[in-house]
Amino acid sequence: MATVPDKLADKLAFFEQHLPIWAADPASIGLTAAQVATLTSLVVSARSTFDFAGTQRAASRAATNDQTIAFADMTNLGGDLIKTIRAFAETNDDPNVYSAAQIPPPAPPSPPGPPALPTGLKAKFMTPFGIRLEWKGSISQGTYFAIFRQQSGETTFTNIQTTRDKFYEDLSLTGGIDAVSYYIAAFRDGEQVNSTTLQLQFGPGGMTAMTLAA
């Protein structure tokens, strides 16, 4: 373990505490008065620079905090004024306001892209003869869902309902069918994405389900 500590504050305290002891009788510990006097001068100088550096650090922290507050105040008010300018230009339908204020007009809205894919399509049997469908999906930015169905004996899928819900109860099944298939399509701005197809079969043992490729 080192005799002199590593940290600056502890190092300074060590020599400040030992100086009076060493100065009391330098010769008894193998030192000269001149050596102790020189060390005393250096300790005083170290204390002065240490205290000054601490003061400067505190001032720097205070200055940084003041800067942060000033920039936040400037940015908040400036942002509010820009919003006011944009609102004024929109209310008056005058694009020249933007050039007069030398700020860019708002960018045209970008297309939202295709809707999220419906997933997790599942079915429950409803007494006496109906099917409750449930799925996961998003209705953000105007998305809606369409339920497509194909019963046994039919050659194509038919859109039987549109909704923004994530469930649908099909109570219009044809009696006597032995199978029905469903898929969910999500629509937004003319774009469509389809879920996988869920095929349900009916028989003596009850309803069985099979997920098919989209």
C-alpha atoms as a PDB file:
ATOM      1  CA  MET A   1       0.000   0.000   0.000  1.00  0.00           C
ATOM      2  CA  ALA A   2       1.437   3.397  -1.040  1.00  0.00           C
ATOM      3  CA  THR A   3       2.303   5.842   1.736  1.00  0.00           C
ATOM      4  CA  VAL A   4       1.057   8.830  -0.264  1.00  0.00           C
ATOM      5  CA  PRO A   5      -2.591   8.440  -1.428  1.00  0.00           C
ATOM      6  CA  ASP A   6      -3.436   8.508  -5.135  1.00  0.00           C
ATOM      7  CA  LYS A   7      -6.378  10.924  -5.125  1.00  0.00           C
ATOM      8  CA  LEU A   8      -5.487  14.611  -5.323  1.00  0.00           C
ATOM      9  CA  ALA A   9      -7.562  15.674  -2.319  1.00  0.00           C
ATOM     10  CA  ASP A  10      -6.166  12.849  -0.166  1.00  0.00           C
ATOM     11  CA  LYS A  11      -2.624  13.553  -1.356  1.00  0.00           C
ATOM     12  CA  LEU A  12      -2.909  17.216  -0.446  1.00  0.00           C
ATOM     13  CA  ALA A  13      -4.403  16.387   2.959  1.00  0.00           C
ATOM     14  CA  PHE A  14      -1.536  13.940   3.645  1.00  0.00           C
ATOM     15  CA  PHE A  15       1.178  16.560   3.196  1.00  0.00           C
ATOM     16  CA  GLU A  16      -0.773  19.305   4.982  1.00  0.00           C
ATOM     17  CA  GLN A  17      -1.157  16.985   7.972  1.00  0.00           C
ATOM     18  CA  HIS A  18       2.511  15.877   7.995  1.00  0.00           C
ATOM     19  CA  LEU A  19       4.145  19.267   7.427  1.00  0.00           C
ATOM     20  CA  PRO A  20       3.701  20.540  11.037  1.00  0.00           C
ATOM     21  CA  ILE A  21       5.087  17.249  12.348  1.00  0.00           C
ATOM     22  CA  TRP A  22       8.139  17.311  10.090  1.00  0.00           C
ATOM     23  CA  ALA A  23       8.745  21.034  10.671  1.00  0.00           C
ATOM     24  CA  ALA A  24       8.782  20.642  14.465  1.00  0.00           C
ATOM     25  CA  ASP A  25      12.216  18.903  14.472  1.00  0.00           C
ATOM     26  CA  PRO A  26      13.436  18.142  10.926  1.00  0.00           C
ATOM     27  CA  ALA A  27      16.829  16.876  12.061  1.00  0.00           C
ATOM     28  CA  SER A  28      15.262  14.174  14.252  1.00  0.00           C
ATOM     29  CA  ILE A  29      13.787  12.526  11.151  1.00  0.00           C
ATOM     30  CA  GLY A  30      16.767  13.112   8.839  1.00  0.00           C
ATOM     31  CA  LEU A  31      15.477  16.223   7.081  1.00  0.00           C
ATOM     32  CA  THR A  32      16.726  19.792   6.910  1.00  0.00           C
ATOM     33  CA  ALA A  33      14.754  22.930   7.630  1.00  0.00           C
ATOM     34  CA  ALA A  34      15.375  24.043   4.045  1.00  0.00           C
ATOM     35  CA  GLN A  35      13.793  20.854   2.675  1.00  0.00           C
ATOM     36  CA  VAL A  36      10.737  21.281   4.846  1.00  0.00           C
ATOM     37  CA  ALA A  37      10.465  24.957   3.865  1.00  0.00           C
ATOM     38  CA  THR A  38      10.590  24.061   0.171  1.00  0.00           C
ATOM     39  CA  LEU A  39       7.898  21.403   0.646  1.00  0.00           C
ATOM     40  CA  THR A  40       5.771  23.904   2.562  1.00  0.00           C
ATOM     41  CA  SER A  41       5.908  26.306  -0.382  1.00  0.00           C
ATOM     42  CA  LEU A  42       4.916  23.528  -2.784  1.00  0.00           C
ATOM     43  CA  VAL A  43       2.021  22.420  -0.562  1.00  0.00           C
ATOM     44  CA  VAL A  44       0.719  25.996  -0.396  1.00  0.00           C
ATOM     45  CA  SER A  45       0.940  26.247  -4.193  1.00  0.00           C
ATOM     46  CA  ALA A  46      -0.840  22.880  -4.605  1.00  0.00           C
ATOM     47  CA  ARG A  47      -3.621  23.999  -2.252  1.00  0.00           C
ATOM     48  CA  SER A  48      -4.069  27.224  -4.198  1.00  0.00           C
ATOM     49  CA  THR A  49      -4.327  25.496  -7.578  1.00  0.00           C
ATOM     50  CA  PHE A  50      -6.595  22.761  -6.151  1.00  0.00           C
ATOM     51  CA  ASP A  51      -9.038  25.286  -4.689  1.00  0.00           C
ATOM     52  CA  PHE A  52      -8.967  27.387  -7.868  1.00  0.00           C
ATOM     53  CA  ALA A  53      -9.657  24.347 -10.067  1.00  0.00           C
ATOM     54  CA  GLY A  54     -12.598  23.394  -7.847  1.00  0.00           C
ATOM     55  CA  THR A  55     -14.024  26.882  -8.120  1.00  0.00           C
ATOM     56  CA  GLN A  56     -13.643  26.796 -11.893  1.00  0.00           C
ATOM     57  CA  ARG A  57     -15.352  23.410 -12.145  1.00  0.00           C
ATOM     58  CA  ALA A  58     -18.287  24.676 -10.113  1.00  0.00           C
ATOM     59  CA  ALA A  59     -18.477  27.782 -12.285  1.00  0.00           C
ATOM     60  CA  SER A  60     -18.332  25.641 -15.419  1.00  0.00           C
ATOM     61  CA  ARG A  61     -21.208  23.452 -14.190  1.00  0.00           C
ATOM     62  CA  ALA A  62     -23.256  26.529 -13.379  1.00  0.00           C
ATOM     63  CA  ALA A  63     -22.475  28.046 -16.787  1.00  0.00           C
ATOM     64  CA  THR A  64     -23.420  24.807 -18.550  1.00  0.00           C
ATOM     65  CA  ASN A  65     -26.721  24.678 -16.657  1.00  0.00           C
ATOM     66  CA  ASP A  66     -27.444  28.316 -17.559  1.00  0.00           C
ATOM     67  CA  GLN A  67     -26.648  27.541 -21.202  1.00  0.00           C
ATOM     68  CA  THR A  68     -28.986  24.537 -21.205  1.00  0.00           C
ATOM     69  CA  ILE A  69     -31.859  26.601 -19.784  1.00  0.00           C
ATOM     70  CA  ALA A  70     -31.249  29.490 -22.204  1.00  0.00           C
ATOM     71  CA  PHE A  71     -31.178  27.229 -25.259  1.00  0.00           C
ATOM     72  CA  ALA A  72     -34.303  25.355 -24.111  1.00  0.00           C
ATOM     73  CA  ASP A  73     -36.197  28.637 -23.625  1.00  0.00           C
ATOM     74  CA  MET A  74     -35.046  29.904 -27.025  1.00  0.00           C
ATOM     75  CA  THR A  75     -35.930  26.673 -28.816  1.00  0.00           C
ATOM     76  CA  ASN A  76     -39.359  26.333 -27.171  1.00  0.00           C
ATOM     77  CA  LEU A  77     -40.475  29.862 -27.995  1.00  0.00           C
ATOM     78  CA  GLY A  78     -38.878  29.784 -31.440  1.00  0.00           C
ATOM     79  CA  GLY A  79     -40.647  26.510 -32.207  1.00  0.00           C
ATOM     80  CA  ASP A  80     -43.977  27.966 -31.074  1.00  0.00           C
ATOM     81  CA  LEU A  81     -43.467  30.997 -33.331  1.00  0.00           C
ATOM     82  CA  ILE A  82     -42.705  28.750 -36.311  1.00  0.00           C
ATOM     83  CA  LYS A  83     -45.947  26.872 -35.624  1.00  0.00           C
ATOM     84  CA  THR A  84     -47.767  30.222 -35.562  1.00  0.00           C
ATOM     85  CA  ILE A  85     -46.233  31.214 -38.912  1.00  0.00           C
ATOM     86  CA  ARG A  86     -47.225  27.889 -40.477  1.00  0.00           C
ATOM     87  CA  ALA A  87     -50.772  28.195 -39.107  1.00  0.00           C
ATOM     88  CA  PHE A  88     -51.003  31.734 -40.502  1.00  0.00           C
ATOM     89  CA  ALA A  89     -49.850  30.554 -43.932  1.00  0.00           C
ATOM     90  CA  GLU A  90     -52.335  27.684 -43.918  1.00  0.00           C
ATOM     91  CA  THR A  91     -55.245  29.788 -42.670  1.00  0.00           C
ATOM     92  CA  ASN A  92     -54.638  32.385 -45.370  1.00  0.00           C
ATOM     93  CA  ASP A  93     -53.713  29.809 -48.007  1.00  0.00           C
ATOM     94  CA  ASP A  94     -50.638  31.911 -48.773  1.00  0.00           C
ATOM     95  CA  PRO A  95     -47.405  30.010 -49.503  1.00  0.00           C
ATOM     96  CA  ASN A  96     -45.549  33.337 -49.792  1.00  0.00           C
ATOM     97  CA  VAL A  97     -45.601  33.493 -45.988  1.00  0.00           C
ATOM     98  CA  TYR A  98     -42.941  30.786 -45.880  1.00  0.00           C
ATOM     99  CA  SER A  99     -40.560  32.666 -48.159  1.00  0.00           C
ATOM    100  CA  ALA A 100     -41.192  35.905 -46.260  1.00  0.00           C
ATOM    101  CA  ALA A 101     -40.311  34.155 -42.997  1.00  0.00           C
ATOM    102  CA  GLN A 102     -37.492  32.248 -44.730  1.00  0.00           C
ATOM    103  CA  ILE A 103     -38.639  28.890 -43.417  1.00  0.00           C
ATOM    104  CA  PRO A 104     -39.435  25.822 -45.550  1.00  0.00           C
ATOM    105  CA  PRO A 105     -43.062  24.897 -46.153  1.00  0.00           C
ATOM    106  CA  PRO A 106     -44.213  21.641 -44.583  1.00  0.00           C
ATOM    107  CA  ALA A 107     -43.240  18.579 -46.575  1.00  0.00           C
ATOM    108  CA  PRO A 108     -46.115  16.808 -48.318  1.00  0.00           C
ATOM    109  CA  PRO A 109     -47.261  13.751 -46.380  1.00  0.00           C
ATOM    110  CA  SER A 110     -45.519  10.606 -47.504  1.00  0.00           C
ATOM    111  CA  PRO A 111     -47.627   7.604 -48.510  1.00  0.00           C
ATOM    112  CA  PRO A 112     -48.248   5.400 -45.474  1.00  0.00           C
ATOM    113  CA  GLY A 113     -47.303   2.232 -47.350  1.00  0.00           C
ATOM    114  CA  PRO A 114     -49.069  -1.101 -47.174  1.00  0.00           C
ATOM    115  CA  PRO A 115     -51.104  -1.982 -44.057  1.00  0.00           C
ATOM    116  CA  ALA A 116     -49.826  -4.411 -41.449  1.00  0.00           C
ATOM    117  CA  LEU A 117     -50.373  -8.071 -42.250  1.00  0.00           C
ATOM    118  CA  PRO A 118     -53.285  -9.678 -40.323  1.00  0.00           C
ATOM    119  CA  THR A 119     -51.991 -12.612 -38.290  1.00  0.00           C
ATOM    120  CA  GLY A 120     -53.164 -15.237 -35.826  1.00  0.00           C
ATOM    121  CA  LEU A 121     -56.460 -16.008 -37.561  1.00  0.00           C
ATOM    122  CA  LYS A 122     -58.429 -18.513 -35.477  1.00  0.00           C
ATOM    123  CA  ALA A 123     -62.006 -19.749 -35.250  1.00  0.00           C
ATOM    124  CA  LYS A 124     -64.525 -20.873 -32.629  1.00  0.00           C
ATOM    125  CA  PHE A 125     -67.714 -22.829 -33.256  1.00  0.00           C
ATOM    126  CA  MET A 126     -70.948 -21.036 -32.315  1.00  0.00           C
ATOM    127  CA  THR A 127     -74.186 -22.887 -31.540  1.00  0.00           C
ATOM    128  CA  PRO A 128     -76.260 -23.806 -33.488  1.00  0.00           C
ATOM    129  CA  PHE A 129     -74.208 -23.215 -36.622  1.00  0.00           C
ATOM    130  CA  GLY A 130     -71.913 -20.221 -36.754  1.00  0.00           C
ATOM    131  CA  ILE A 131     -68.225 -19.348 -36.678  1.00  0.00           C
ATOM    132  CA  ARG A 132     -66.507 -16.620 -34.664  1.00  0.00           C
ATOM    133  CA  LEU A 133     -63.269 -15.462 -36.284  1.00  0.00           C
ATOM    134  CA  GLU A 134     -60.560 -13.571 -34.396  1.00  0.00           C
ATOM    135  CA  TRP A 135     -57.222 -12.188 -35.630  1.00  0.00           C
ATOM    136  CA  LYS A 136     -54.482  -9.687 -34.874  1.00  0.00           C
ATOM    137  CA  GLY A 137     -53.790  -6.566 -36.915  1.00  0.00           C
ATOM    138  CA  SER A 138     -53.585  -2.768 -36.959  1.00  0.00           C
ATOM    139  CA  ILE A 139     -56.223  -0.216 -37.953  1.00  0.00           C
ATOM    140  CA  SER A 140     -53.772   2.707 -38.005  1.00  0.00           C
ATOM    141  CA  GLN A 141     -54.029   5.392 -40.717  1.00  0.00           C
ATOM    142  CA  GLY A 142     -57.455   4.266 -41.877  1.00  0.00           C
ATOM    143  CA  THR A 143     -56.807   0.544 -42.245  1.00  0.00           C
ATOM    144  CA  TYR A 144     -59.869  -1.711 -42.355  1.00  0.00           C
ATOM    145  CA  PHE A 145     -60.382  -5.451 -42.743  1.00  0.00           C
ATOM    146  CA  ALA A 146     -62.376  -7.559 -45.190  1.00  0.00           C
ATOM    147  CA  ILE A 147     -63.443 -11.124 -44.420  1.00  0.00           C
ATOM    148  CA  PHE A 148     -63.276 -13.497 -47.365  1.00  0.00           C
ATOM    149  CA  ARG A 149     -65.047 -16.869 -47.286  1.00  0.00           C
ATOM    150  CA  GLN A 150     -65.261 -19.939 -49.486  1.00  0.00           C
ATOM    151  CA  GLN A 151     -67.688 -22.724 -48.588  1.00  0.00           C
ATOM    152  CA  SER A 152     -67.457 -26.276 -49.860  1.00  0.00           C
ATOM    153  CA  GLY A 153     -68.946 -26.446 -53.344  1.00  0.00           C
ATOM    154  CA  GLU A 154     -67.864 -22.852 -54.145  1.00  0.00           C
ATOM    155  CA  THR A 155     -64.953 -22.162 -56.511  1.00  0.00           C
ATOM    156  CA  THR A 156     -63.965 -18.672 -55.349  1.00  0.00           C
ATOM    157  CA  PHE A 157     -63.683 -16.632 -52.184  1.00  0.00           C
ATOM    158  CA  THR A 158     -66.333 -13.980 -51.548  1.00  0.00           C
ATOM    159  CA  ASN A 159     -66.023 -10.830 -49.457  1.00  0.00           C
ATOM    160  CA  ILE A 160     -68.752 -11.265 -46.839  1.00  0.00           C
ATOM    161  CA  GLN A 161     -68.010  -8.318 -44.536  1.00  0.00           C
ATOM    162  CA  THR A 162     -65.773  -5.287 -43.965  1.00  0.00           C
ATOM    163  CA  THR A 163     -64.962  -4.063 -40.473  1.00  0.00           C
ATOM    164  CA  ARG A 164     -62.428  -2.242 -38.335  1.00  0.00           C
ATOM    165  CA  ASP A 165     -62.908  -4.797 -35.568  1.00  0.00           C
ATOM    166  CA  LYS A 166     -60.524  -7.717 -35.160  1.00  0.00           C
ATOM    167  CA  PHE A 167     -63.278 -10.294 -34.934  1.00  0.00           C
ATOM    168  CA  TYR A 168     -66.292 -11.358 -36.946  1.00  0.00           C
ATOM    169  CA  GLU A 169     -69.181 -13.726 -36.254  1.00  0.00           C
ATOM    170  CA  ASP A 170     -70.262 -15.535 -39.395  1.00  0.00           C
ATOM    171  CA  LEU A 171     -73.914 -16.591 -38.959  1.00  0.00           C
ATOM    172  CA  SER A 172     -74.698 -16.955 -42.660  1.00  0.00           C
ATOM    173  CA  LEU A 173     -73.161 -20.357 -43.365  1.00  0.00           C
ATOM    174  CA  THR A 174     -75.049 -22.593 -45.753  1.00  0.00           C
ATOM    175  CA  GLY A 175     -76.578 -25.611 -44.021  1.00  0.00           C
ATOM    176  CA  GLY A 176     -75.125 -29.033 -44.801  1.00  0.00           C
ATOM    177  CA  ILE A 177     -71.644 -27.876 -45.880  1.00  0.00           C
ATOM    178  CA  ASP A 178     -68.709 -30.000 -44.804  1.00  0.00           C
ATOM    179  CA  ALA A 179     -65.960 -27.344 -44.987  1.00  0.00           C
ATOM    180  CA  VAL A 180     -65.395 -23.584 -45.113  1.00  0.00           C
ATOM    181  CA  SER A 181     -62.259 -21.481 -45.575  1.00  0.00           C
ATOM    182  CA  TYR A 182     -61.530 -17.898 -44.524  1.00  0.00           C
ATOM    183  CA  TYR A 183     -58.825 -15.315 -44.901  1.00  0.00           C
ATOM    184  CA  ILE A 184     -58.608 -11.714 -43.701  1.00  0.00           C
ATOM    185  CA  ALA A 185     -57.475  -8.900 -45.978  1.00  0.00           C
ATOM    186  CA  ALA A 186     -56.222  -5.574 -44.642  1.00  0.00           C
ATOM    187  CA  PHE A 187     -56.823  -2.513 -46.862  1.00  0.00           C
ATOM    188  CA  ARG A 188     -55.361   1.011 -46.791  1.00  0.00           C
ATOM    189  CA  ASP A 189     -55.128   3.572 -49.597  1.00  0.00           C
ATOM    190  CA  GLY A 190     -55.776   0.968 -52.263  1.00  0.00           C
ATOM    191  CA  GLU A 191     -53.170  -1.486 -50.962  1.00  0.00           C
ATOM    192  CA  GLN A 192     -54.123  -4.942 -49.738  1.00  0.00           C
ATOM    193  CA  VAL A 193     -52.358  -7.662 -47.746  1.00  0.00           C
ATOM    194  CA  ASN A 194     -53.905 -11.046 -46.983  1.00  0.00           C
ATOM    195  CA  SER A 195     -53.590 -13.305 -43.982  1.00  0.00           C
ATOM    196  CA  THR A 196     -53.023 -17.026 -44.308  1.00  0.00           C
ATOM    197  CA  THR A 197     -56.119 -19.061 -45.106  1.00  0.00           C
ATOM    198  CA  LEU A 198     -57.887 -20.941 -42.330  1.00  0.00           C
ATOM    199  CA  GLN A 199     -59.752 -24.050 -43.500  1.00  0.00           C
ATOM    200  CA  LEU A 200     -62.435 -25.536 -41.234  1.00  0.00           C
ATOM    201  CA  GLN A 201     -63.839 -29.003 -41.753  1.00  0.00           C
ATOM    202  CA  PHE A 202     -67.016 -30.349 -40.152  1.00  0.00           C
ATOM    203  CA  GLY A 203     -67.692 -33.970 -39.355  1.00  0.00           C
ATOM    204  CA  PRO A 204     -68.949 -36.406 -36.763  1.00  0.00           C
ATOM    205  CA  GLY A 205     -66.043 -35.615 -34.485  1.00  0.00           C
ATOM    206  CA  GLY A 206     -66.659 -31.859 -34.566  1.00  0.00           C
ATOM    207  CA  MET A 207     -64.827 -28.986 -36.245  1.00  0.00           C
ATOM    208  CA  THR A 208     -61.160 -29.238 -37.228  1.00  0.00           C
ATOM    209  CA  ALA A 209     -59.021 -26.330 -38.424  1.00  0.00           C
ATOM    210  CA  MET A 210     -56.085 -26.212 -40.850  1.00  0.00           C
ATOM    211  CA  THR A 211     -53.979 -23.154 -41.691  1.00  0.00           C
ATOM    212  CA  LEU A 212     -53.068 -22.929 -45.382  1.00  0.00           C
ATOM    213  CA  ALA A 213     -50.662 -20.706 -47.248  1.00  0.00           C
ATOM    214  CA  ALA A 214     -51.888 -17.271 -48.229  1.00  0.00           C
END
